[in-house]
N, C-alpha and C. Protein backbone atom coordinates (compact mmCIF):
# COMPACT_ATOMS: atom_id res chain seq x y z
N MET A 1 82.98 80.69 98.38
CA MET A 1 84.05 81.68 98.51
C MET A 1 85.33 80.95 98.91
N PRO A 2 86.43 81.23 98.21
CA PRO A 2 87.70 80.59 98.55
C PRO A 2 88.15 80.93 99.97
N LYS A 3 88.88 80.01 100.56
CA LYS A 3 89.34 80.14 101.93
C LYS A 3 90.48 81.15 102.07
N ALA A 4 91.45 81.10 101.18
CA ALA A 4 92.69 81.86 101.34
C ALA A 4 92.51 83.35 101.08
N LYS A 5 93.34 84.12 101.77
CA LYS A 5 93.54 85.53 101.47
C LYS A 5 94.88 85.62 100.77
N LEU A 6 95.03 86.59 99.89
CA LEU A 6 96.28 86.78 99.19
C LEU A 6 96.91 88.11 99.57
N ILE A 7 98.21 88.05 99.78
CA ILE A 7 99.02 89.25 99.95
C ILE A 7 99.92 89.30 98.73
N ILE A 8 99.85 90.38 97.98
CA ILE A 8 100.66 90.56 96.78
C ILE A 8 101.63 91.70 97.06
N VAL A 9 102.92 91.41 96.94
CA VAL A 9 103.96 92.39 97.26
C VAL A 9 104.77 92.65 96.00
N ILE A 10 104.68 93.89 95.50
CA ILE A 10 105.39 94.26 94.28
C ILE A 10 106.21 95.52 94.53
N GLY A 11 107.08 95.83 93.60
CA GLY A 11 107.86 97.06 93.71
C GLY A 11 109.17 96.94 92.99
N GLN A 12 109.87 98.05 92.97
CA GLN A 12 111.15 98.08 92.25
C GLN A 12 112.19 97.24 92.98
N SER A 13 113.24 96.94 92.27
CA SER A 13 114.34 96.17 92.81
C SER A 13 114.92 96.85 94.06
N ALA A 14 115.17 96.06 95.10
CA ALA A 14 115.81 96.51 96.34
C ALA A 14 115.01 97.60 97.06
N SER A 15 113.68 97.51 96.98
CA SER A 15 112.84 98.49 97.68
C SER A 15 112.33 97.98 99.02
N GLY A 16 112.61 96.73 99.37
CA GLY A 16 112.21 96.21 100.68
C GLY A 16 111.16 95.12 100.65
N LYS A 17 110.83 94.59 99.49
CA LYS A 17 109.77 93.58 99.37
C LYS A 17 110.10 92.32 100.18
N THR A 18 111.25 91.75 99.95
CA THR A 18 111.63 90.52 100.64
C THR A 18 111.83 90.77 102.12
N THR A 19 112.42 91.91 102.47
CA THR A 19 112.59 92.26 103.89
C THR A 19 111.25 92.31 104.59
N PHE A 20 110.27 92.91 103.95
CA PHE A 20 108.91 92.98 104.52
C PHE A 20 108.35 91.59 104.76
N VAL A 21 108.42 90.73 103.76
CA VAL A 21 107.86 89.37 103.89
C VAL A 21 108.59 88.62 105.00
N LYS A 22 109.90 88.69 105.03
CA LYS A 22 110.67 87.98 106.06
C LYS A 22 110.30 88.47 107.46
N ARG A 23 110.26 89.78 107.64
CA ARG A 23 109.96 90.34 108.98
C ARG A 23 108.53 90.09 109.40
N ARG A 24 107.62 90.15 108.47
CA ARG A 24 106.19 90.05 108.83
C ARG A 24 105.72 88.61 108.99
N PHE A 25 106.26 87.69 108.19
CA PHE A 25 105.70 86.34 108.16
C PHE A 25 106.66 85.22 108.55
N LEU A 26 107.96 85.47 108.52
CA LEU A 26 108.89 84.36 108.68
C LEU A 26 109.62 84.29 110.01
N LYS A 27 109.70 85.37 110.75
CA LYS A 27 110.52 85.32 111.95
C LYS A 27 109.99 84.28 112.93
N ASP A 28 110.92 83.47 113.43
CA ASP A 28 110.63 82.43 114.42
C ASP A 28 109.65 81.36 113.94
N ASN A 29 109.47 81.22 112.66
CA ASN A 29 108.60 80.17 112.13
C ASN A 29 109.45 79.09 111.47
N ASP A 30 109.04 77.85 111.61
CA ASP A 30 109.67 76.76 110.89
C ASP A 30 109.14 76.76 109.47
N MET A 31 110.06 76.59 108.52
CA MET A 31 109.68 76.63 107.12
C MET A 31 110.08 75.33 106.42
N THR A 32 109.33 75.00 105.40
CA THR A 32 109.63 73.84 104.57
C THR A 32 109.66 74.30 103.12
N LEU A 33 110.74 73.93 102.41
CA LEU A 33 110.82 74.23 100.99
C LEU A 33 110.25 73.05 100.22
N ASN A 34 109.26 73.33 99.41
CA ASN A 34 108.64 72.33 98.55
C ASN A 34 109.12 72.57 97.13
N LEU A 35 109.48 71.54 96.43
CA LEU A 35 110.06 71.71 95.10
C LEU A 35 109.08 71.47 93.96
N LYS A 36 107.94 70.86 94.22
CA LYS A 36 106.99 70.53 93.17
C LYS A 36 105.71 71.34 93.36
N PRO A 37 105.12 71.89 92.34
CA PRO A 37 105.54 71.92 90.95
C PRO A 37 106.65 72.93 90.69
N PHE A 38 106.95 73.81 91.66
CA PHE A 38 108.07 74.75 91.59
C PHE A 38 108.39 75.09 93.04
N LYS A 39 109.45 75.82 93.27
CA LYS A 39 109.82 76.15 94.64
C LYS A 39 108.75 77.02 95.30
N HIS A 40 108.25 76.54 96.43
CA HIS A 40 107.38 77.36 97.26
C HIS A 40 107.62 76.95 98.71
N THR A 41 107.41 77.88 99.60
CA THR A 41 107.74 77.70 101.01
C THR A 41 106.46 77.68 101.82
N THR A 42 106.34 76.69 102.70
CA THR A 42 105.21 76.65 103.62
C THR A 42 105.72 76.88 105.04
N ILE A 43 104.86 77.41 105.87
CA ILE A 43 105.22 77.76 107.24
C ILE A 43 104.47 76.85 108.21
N GLU A 44 105.22 76.33 109.17
CA GLU A 44 104.75 75.56 110.31
C GLU A 44 103.61 74.60 110.00
N ASP A 45 102.41 75.01 110.26
CA ASP A 45 101.25 74.11 110.18
C ASP A 45 100.63 74.08 108.79
N ASP A 46 101.39 74.52 107.81
CA ASP A 46 100.93 74.55 106.42
C ASP A 46 99.73 75.47 106.19
N SER A 47 99.55 76.48 107.04
CA SER A 47 98.44 77.41 106.83
C SER A 47 98.85 78.59 105.96
N ILE A 48 100.17 78.80 105.81
CA ILE A 48 100.67 79.92 105.02
C ILE A 48 101.59 79.37 103.94
N CYS A 49 101.41 79.87 102.73
CA CYS A 49 102.26 79.48 101.61
C CYS A 49 102.87 80.74 101.00
N LEU A 50 104.16 80.71 100.79
CA LEU A 50 104.87 81.80 100.13
C LEU A 50 105.37 81.27 98.80
N LEU A 51 105.01 81.94 97.72
CA LEU A 51 105.50 81.52 96.41
C LEU A 51 106.98 81.86 96.33
N GLY A 52 107.80 80.88 95.99
CA GLY A 52 109.24 81.07 95.90
C GLY A 52 109.96 80.43 97.07
N ASP A 53 111.26 80.64 97.11
CA ASP A 53 112.14 80.04 98.11
C ASP A 53 112.56 81.10 99.12
N TYR A 54 112.19 80.90 100.39
CA TYR A 54 112.59 81.80 101.47
C TYR A 54 113.45 81.08 102.50
N THR A 55 113.95 79.91 102.17
CA THR A 55 114.65 79.09 103.17
C THR A 55 116.14 79.36 103.26
N ASP A 56 116.67 80.25 102.45
CA ASP A 56 118.09 80.57 102.57
C ASP A 56 118.26 82.08 102.69
N SER A 57 119.49 82.52 102.75
CA SER A 57 119.75 83.93 103.03
C SER A 57 120.12 84.75 101.80
N ARG A 58 119.86 84.23 100.63
CA ARG A 58 120.17 85.01 99.43
C ARG A 58 119.40 86.33 99.42
N ARG A 59 119.92 87.28 98.69
CA ARG A 59 119.31 88.61 98.66
C ARG A 59 118.01 88.65 97.88
N CYS A 60 117.91 87.89 96.81
CA CYS A 60 116.70 87.90 95.98
C CYS A 60 115.95 86.59 96.21
N LEU A 61 114.82 86.69 96.84
CA LEU A 61 114.03 85.50 97.13
C LEU A 61 112.67 85.66 96.47
N GLY A 62 111.65 85.08 97.10
CA GLY A 62 110.32 85.18 96.54
C GLY A 62 110.26 84.58 95.15
N THR A 63 109.46 85.17 94.30
CA THR A 63 109.35 84.63 92.94
C THR A 63 110.56 84.97 92.09
N ASP A 64 111.45 85.83 92.59
CA ASP A 64 112.66 86.15 91.83
C ASP A 64 113.54 84.92 91.64
N THR A 65 113.35 83.89 92.46
CA THR A 65 114.15 82.66 92.33
C THR A 65 113.56 81.73 91.27
N LEU A 66 112.43 82.08 90.70
CA LEU A 66 111.75 81.22 89.75
C LEU A 66 112.03 81.64 88.31
N SER A 67 111.75 80.75 87.39
CA SER A 67 111.94 81.00 85.97
C SER A 67 111.12 82.21 85.51
N MET A 68 111.64 82.93 84.52
CA MET A 68 110.91 84.07 83.97
C MET A 68 109.59 83.64 83.31
N SER A 69 109.48 82.39 82.93
CA SER A 69 108.28 81.93 82.23
C SER A 69 107.32 81.17 83.15
N ILE A 70 107.37 81.42 84.44
CA ILE A 70 106.63 80.63 85.42
C ILE A 70 105.19 81.09 85.63
N ILE A 71 104.76 82.19 85.08
CA ILE A 71 103.47 82.80 85.41
C ILE A 71 102.29 81.83 85.28
N ASN A 72 102.22 81.06 84.21
CA ASN A 72 101.09 80.13 84.06
C ASN A 72 101.10 79.05 85.13
N ASP A 73 102.28 78.57 85.52
CA ASP A 73 102.39 77.58 86.59
C ASP A 73 101.98 78.19 87.93
N LEU A 74 102.37 79.45 88.17
CA LEU A 74 101.98 80.13 89.40
C LEU A 74 100.46 80.26 89.48
N ILE A 75 99.85 80.63 88.38
CA ILE A 75 98.40 80.79 88.35
C ILE A 75 97.71 79.46 88.64
N GLU A 76 98.14 78.40 88.00
CA GLU A 76 97.55 77.08 88.24
C GLU A 76 97.75 76.63 89.69
N PHE A 77 98.93 76.91 90.24
CA PHE A 77 99.21 76.53 91.62
C PHE A 77 98.28 77.27 92.59
N VAL A 78 98.17 78.58 92.41
CA VAL A 78 97.29 79.36 93.29
C VAL A 78 95.85 78.89 93.14
N LYS A 79 95.40 78.66 91.93
CA LYS A 79 94.04 78.18 91.69
C LYS A 79 93.79 76.87 92.44
N GLY A 80 94.76 75.96 92.41
CA GLY A 80 94.61 74.68 93.08
C GLY A 80 94.85 74.73 94.57
N SER A 81 95.39 75.84 95.08
CA SER A 81 95.75 75.94 96.50
C SER A 81 94.85 76.88 97.29
N ILE A 82 93.93 77.52 96.61
CA ILE A 82 93.14 78.58 97.23
C ILE A 82 92.30 78.09 98.41
N ASN A 83 91.96 76.82 98.43
CA ASN A 83 91.21 76.28 99.57
C ASN A 83 92.07 75.47 100.53
N LYS A 84 93.36 75.39 100.26
CA LYS A 84 94.28 74.63 101.11
C LYS A 84 94.92 75.49 102.18
N TYR A 85 95.23 76.74 101.86
CA TYR A 85 95.95 77.64 102.78
C TYR A 85 95.04 78.75 103.27
N ASP A 86 95.38 79.31 104.43
CA ASP A 86 94.68 80.48 104.93
C ASP A 86 95.22 81.76 104.28
N LEU A 87 96.51 81.73 103.96
CA LEU A 87 97.17 82.90 103.42
C LEU A 87 98.18 82.46 102.37
N ILE A 88 98.14 83.11 101.22
CA ILE A 88 99.13 82.88 100.16
C ILE A 88 99.81 84.22 99.91
N ILE A 89 101.14 84.20 100.02
CA ILE A 89 101.93 85.42 99.85
C ILE A 89 102.67 85.33 98.53
N CYS A 90 102.43 86.33 97.70
CA CYS A 90 103.01 86.38 96.35
C CYS A 90 103.88 87.63 96.30
N GLU A 91 105.18 87.44 96.18
CA GLU A 91 106.10 88.58 96.23
C GLU A 91 107.15 88.47 95.15
N GLY A 92 107.41 89.58 94.49
CA GLY A 92 108.53 89.60 93.57
C GLY A 92 108.16 89.88 92.13
N ASP A 93 109.17 89.81 91.32
CA ASP A 93 109.06 90.24 89.92
C ASP A 93 108.12 89.37 89.09
N ARG A 94 108.08 88.08 89.33
CA ARG A 94 107.31 87.18 88.45
C ARG A 94 105.81 87.40 88.54
N ILE A 95 105.33 88.01 89.61
CA ILE A 95 103.89 88.27 89.74
C ILE A 95 103.55 89.74 89.51
N THR A 96 104.55 90.53 89.17
CA THR A 96 104.34 91.95 88.92
C THR A 96 103.88 92.14 87.48
N ASN A 97 102.64 91.74 87.23
CA ASN A 97 102.10 91.89 85.88
C ASN A 97 100.57 91.87 85.91
N ALA A 98 99.98 92.40 84.87
CA ALA A 98 98.53 92.52 84.77
C ALA A 98 97.86 91.15 84.73
N LYS A 99 98.47 90.18 84.09
CA LYS A 99 97.86 88.85 83.99
C LYS A 99 97.63 88.25 85.37
N PHE A 100 98.61 88.35 86.25
CA PHE A 100 98.45 87.78 87.60
C PHE A 100 97.41 88.56 88.39
N LEU A 101 97.44 89.87 88.33
CA LEU A 101 96.45 90.67 89.06
C LEU A 101 95.03 90.38 88.58
N GLN A 102 94.83 90.29 87.29
CA GLN A 102 93.51 89.98 86.75
C GLN A 102 93.06 88.60 87.20
N PHE A 103 93.97 87.63 87.21
CA PHE A 103 93.66 86.29 87.69
C PHE A 103 93.18 86.32 89.14
N VAL A 104 93.90 87.03 90.00
CA VAL A 104 93.52 87.12 91.41
C VAL A 104 92.15 87.77 91.54
N HIS A 105 91.90 88.82 90.79
CA HIS A 105 90.59 89.47 90.81
C HIS A 105 89.49 88.49 90.43
N ASP A 106 89.73 87.71 89.38
CA ASP A 106 88.72 86.77 88.89
C ASP A 106 88.45 85.64 89.89
N LEU A 107 89.41 85.36 90.78
CA LEU A 107 89.20 84.35 91.82
C LEU A 107 88.18 84.79 92.87
N LYS A 108 88.00 86.10 92.96
CA LYS A 108 87.09 86.69 93.95
C LYS A 108 87.52 86.35 95.37
N VAL A 109 88.83 86.56 95.62
CA VAL A 109 89.39 86.35 96.95
C VAL A 109 89.73 87.70 97.55
N GLU A 110 89.85 87.72 98.86
CA GLU A 110 90.33 88.93 99.52
C GLU A 110 91.82 89.06 99.23
N ALA A 111 92.22 90.21 98.74
CA ALA A 111 93.63 90.42 98.39
C ALA A 111 94.04 91.86 98.71
N LYS A 112 95.26 91.98 99.21
CA LYS A 112 95.88 93.28 99.43
C LYS A 112 97.13 93.34 98.58
N VAL A 113 97.39 94.52 98.02
CA VAL A 113 98.60 94.73 97.23
C VAL A 113 99.46 95.75 97.96
N TYR A 114 100.67 95.33 98.29
CA TYR A 114 101.67 96.23 98.85
C TYR A 114 102.60 96.63 97.70
N LEU A 115 102.75 97.93 97.49
CA LEU A 115 103.65 98.45 96.47
C LEU A 115 104.81 99.15 97.17
N PHE A 116 106.00 98.58 97.03
CA PHE A 116 107.19 99.14 97.66
C PHE A 116 107.93 100.02 96.66
N GLN A 117 108.41 101.15 97.17
CA GLN A 117 109.14 102.08 96.33
C GLN A 117 110.19 102.79 97.17
N CYS A 118 111.19 103.28 96.50
CA CYS A 118 112.23 104.10 97.13
C CYS A 118 112.92 104.87 96.01
N SER A 119 113.84 105.72 96.37
CA SER A 119 114.55 106.46 95.34
C SER A 119 115.40 105.50 94.50
N LEU A 120 115.66 105.89 93.28
CA LEU A 120 116.50 105.06 92.41
C LEU A 120 117.89 104.88 93.03
N GLN A 121 118.42 105.94 93.61
CA GLN A 121 119.74 105.85 94.22
C GLN A 121 119.73 104.88 95.40
N GLU A 122 118.66 104.90 96.16
CA GLU A 122 118.54 103.97 97.30
C GLU A 122 118.56 102.52 96.80
N SER A 123 117.84 102.23 95.73
CA SER A 123 117.85 100.87 95.17
C SER A 123 119.26 100.48 94.73
N ILE A 124 119.92 101.37 94.04
CA ILE A 124 121.28 101.08 93.57
C ILE A 124 122.22 100.86 94.76
N ASP A 125 122.12 101.72 95.78
CA ASP A 125 122.97 101.56 96.96
C ASP A 125 122.71 100.22 97.66
N ARG A 126 121.45 99.85 97.81
CA ARG A 126 121.11 98.58 98.48
C ARG A 126 121.63 97.40 97.67
N ARG A 127 121.43 97.43 96.37
CA ARG A 127 121.91 96.32 95.53
C ARG A 127 123.44 96.22 95.59
N THR A 128 124.10 97.36 95.60
CA THR A 128 125.56 97.37 95.70
C THR A 128 126.00 96.76 97.04
N GLN A 129 125.33 97.13 98.13
CA GLN A 129 125.64 96.58 99.45
C GLN A 129 125.45 95.07 99.50
N MET A 130 124.53 94.55 98.67
CA MET A 130 124.26 93.11 98.63
C MET A 130 125.21 92.37 97.69
N GLY A 131 126.16 93.11 97.10
CA GLY A 131 127.13 92.46 96.23
C GLY A 131 126.73 92.39 94.78
N SER A 132 125.71 93.12 94.40
CA SER A 132 125.25 93.13 93.01
C SER A 132 125.88 94.31 92.28
N LYS A 133 125.90 94.21 90.98
CA LYS A 133 126.36 95.33 90.14
C LYS A 133 125.14 95.89 89.41
N PRO A 134 124.41 96.75 90.08
CA PRO A 134 123.14 97.23 89.51
C PRO A 134 123.35 98.23 88.40
N SER A 135 122.43 98.21 87.46
CA SER A 135 122.42 99.26 86.44
C SER A 135 121.21 100.15 86.69
N LEU A 136 121.37 101.41 86.40
CA LEU A 136 120.28 102.37 86.56
C LEU A 136 119.11 101.97 85.65
N THR A 137 119.40 101.48 84.47
CA THR A 137 118.35 101.06 83.54
C THR A 137 117.51 99.94 84.14
N PHE A 138 118.15 98.94 84.74
CA PHE A 138 117.42 97.83 85.35
C PHE A 138 116.52 98.32 86.47
N VAL A 139 117.06 99.14 87.35
CA VAL A 139 116.28 99.63 88.49
C VAL A 139 115.11 100.48 88.00
N LYS A 140 115.34 101.34 87.02
CA LYS A 140 114.25 102.16 86.46
C LYS A 140 113.16 101.28 85.84
N THR A 141 113.59 100.22 85.16
CA THR A 141 112.62 99.31 84.53
C THR A 141 111.74 98.66 85.58
N THR A 142 112.33 98.19 86.68
CA THR A 142 111.51 97.55 87.73
C THR A 142 110.60 98.57 88.40
N GLN A 143 111.07 99.79 88.54
CA GLN A 143 110.25 100.85 89.12
C GLN A 143 109.04 101.16 88.23
N THR A 144 109.30 101.35 86.95
CA THR A 144 108.24 101.66 85.99
C THR A 144 107.22 100.53 85.91
N LYS A 145 107.70 99.30 85.87
CA LYS A 145 106.82 98.13 85.78
C LYS A 145 105.82 98.11 86.94
N ALA A 146 106.30 98.33 88.14
CA ALA A 146 105.41 98.32 89.31
C ALA A 146 104.49 99.54 89.34
N GLN A 147 105.04 100.71 89.06
CA GLN A 147 104.22 101.94 89.10
C GLN A 147 103.12 101.92 88.04
N ASN A 148 103.40 101.32 86.89
CA ASN A 148 102.39 101.26 85.83
C ASN A 148 101.20 100.38 86.18
N LEU A 149 101.32 99.56 87.20
CA LEU A 149 100.21 98.70 87.61
C LEU A 149 99.23 99.39 88.58
N LYS A 150 99.59 100.55 89.10
CA LYS A 150 98.72 101.22 90.07
C LYS A 150 97.30 101.45 89.56
N PRO A 151 97.12 101.97 88.34
CA PRO A 151 95.74 102.17 87.86
C PRO A 151 94.95 100.86 87.80
N LEU A 152 95.57 99.79 87.35
CA LEU A 152 94.88 98.50 87.27
C LEU A 152 94.53 97.99 88.66
N ILE A 153 95.44 98.13 89.60
CA ILE A 153 95.19 97.69 90.98
C ILE A 153 93.95 98.40 91.52
N ARG A 154 93.88 99.68 91.30
CA ARG A 154 92.72 100.46 91.76
C ARG A 154 91.44 100.05 91.00
N GLN A 155 91.57 99.89 89.70
CA GLN A 155 90.42 99.50 88.87
C GLN A 155 89.85 98.15 89.31
N LEU A 156 90.72 97.22 89.68
CA LEU A 156 90.27 95.89 90.11
C LEU A 156 89.72 95.90 91.52
N GLY A 157 89.87 97.01 92.23
CA GLY A 157 89.29 97.14 93.56
C GLY A 157 90.12 96.57 94.69
N PHE A 158 91.40 96.31 94.44
CA PHE A 158 92.26 95.82 95.51
C PHE A 158 92.62 96.94 96.46
N GLU A 159 92.81 96.59 97.72
CA GLU A 159 93.37 97.55 98.66
C GLU A 159 94.84 97.72 98.29
N LEU A 160 95.27 98.96 98.09
CA LEU A 160 96.65 99.26 97.71
C LEU A 160 97.33 99.98 98.86
N ILE A 161 98.41 99.39 99.34
CA ILE A 161 99.20 99.98 100.42
C ILE A 161 100.57 100.31 99.84
N VAL A 162 100.88 101.60 99.76
CA VAL A 162 102.16 102.03 99.21
C VAL A 162 103.13 102.26 100.36
N ARG A 163 104.31 101.64 100.24
CA ARG A 163 105.36 101.78 101.26
C ARG A 163 106.58 102.40 100.63
N ASP A 164 106.95 103.59 101.08
CA ASP A 164 108.16 104.24 100.59
C ASP A 164 109.26 103.98 101.62
N THR A 165 110.30 103.30 101.19
CA THR A 165 111.39 102.93 102.09
C THR A 165 112.66 103.72 101.77
N SER A 166 112.51 104.94 101.25
CA SER A 166 113.67 105.72 100.81
C SER A 166 114.58 106.15 101.94
N ASN A 167 114.06 106.52 103.05
CA ASN A 167 114.89 107.03 104.14
C ASN A 167 115.64 105.89 104.80
N LYS A 168 116.95 105.92 104.73
CA LYS A 168 117.79 104.85 105.29
C LYS A 168 117.57 104.70 106.79
N ASP A 169 117.30 105.81 107.49
CA ASP A 169 117.19 105.74 108.94
C ASP A 169 115.87 105.16 109.40
N THR A 170 114.78 105.46 108.68
CA THR A 170 113.47 105.00 109.16
C THR A 170 112.73 104.14 108.16
N GLY A 171 113.14 104.16 106.92
CA GLY A 171 112.38 103.49 105.86
C GLY A 171 112.16 102.01 106.07
N MET A 172 113.19 101.26 106.42
CA MET A 172 113.03 99.81 106.57
C MET A 172 112.44 99.45 107.92
N ARG A 173 112.57 100.29 108.94
CA ARG A 173 111.99 99.98 110.24
C ARG A 173 110.47 100.07 110.23
N GLY A 174 109.92 100.93 109.41
CA GLY A 174 108.49 101.15 109.40
C GLY A 174 107.73 100.24 108.46
N LEU A 175 108.29 99.10 108.12
CA LEU A 175 107.67 98.24 107.12
C LEU A 175 106.35 97.63 107.57
N LEU A 176 106.17 97.36 108.81
CA LEU A 176 104.95 96.69 109.24
C LEU A 176 103.87 97.71 109.48
């Protein structure tokens, strides 16, 4: 049985995915950015690996910083790292697909899937606050992509935790 547990964080654009990962796993931890075979971040004693770059303050982190064609490299990396880390955190658009979920299932590892969602207007407002020029079409596409994976997540037997962060007053505070 592989050593690592996987946390998979998916959801529509600006729904709180990166905020969740930062608050839950990164606060007060020393991080190292590794560039090979692609950007990935390790924490302190190298027991936790986050796919993507979390070492700066940009708004879009996680796998969103990686190439759109990175999925096969991500799969090979996770396959080769499953006994190296205690926890591998996969967050963002590049892993929001059936191929990655099926791969994780076939590894026979313990995995939880967090699905973040909020109103379309909330996503647009958050992206605008971050200096982006969001389109409703883009936000709807990311929402649909994540929501369409729910049946597969259930079919594969993953624990699915849905987080709705729509309420500006309480939505982001209740992430943990």
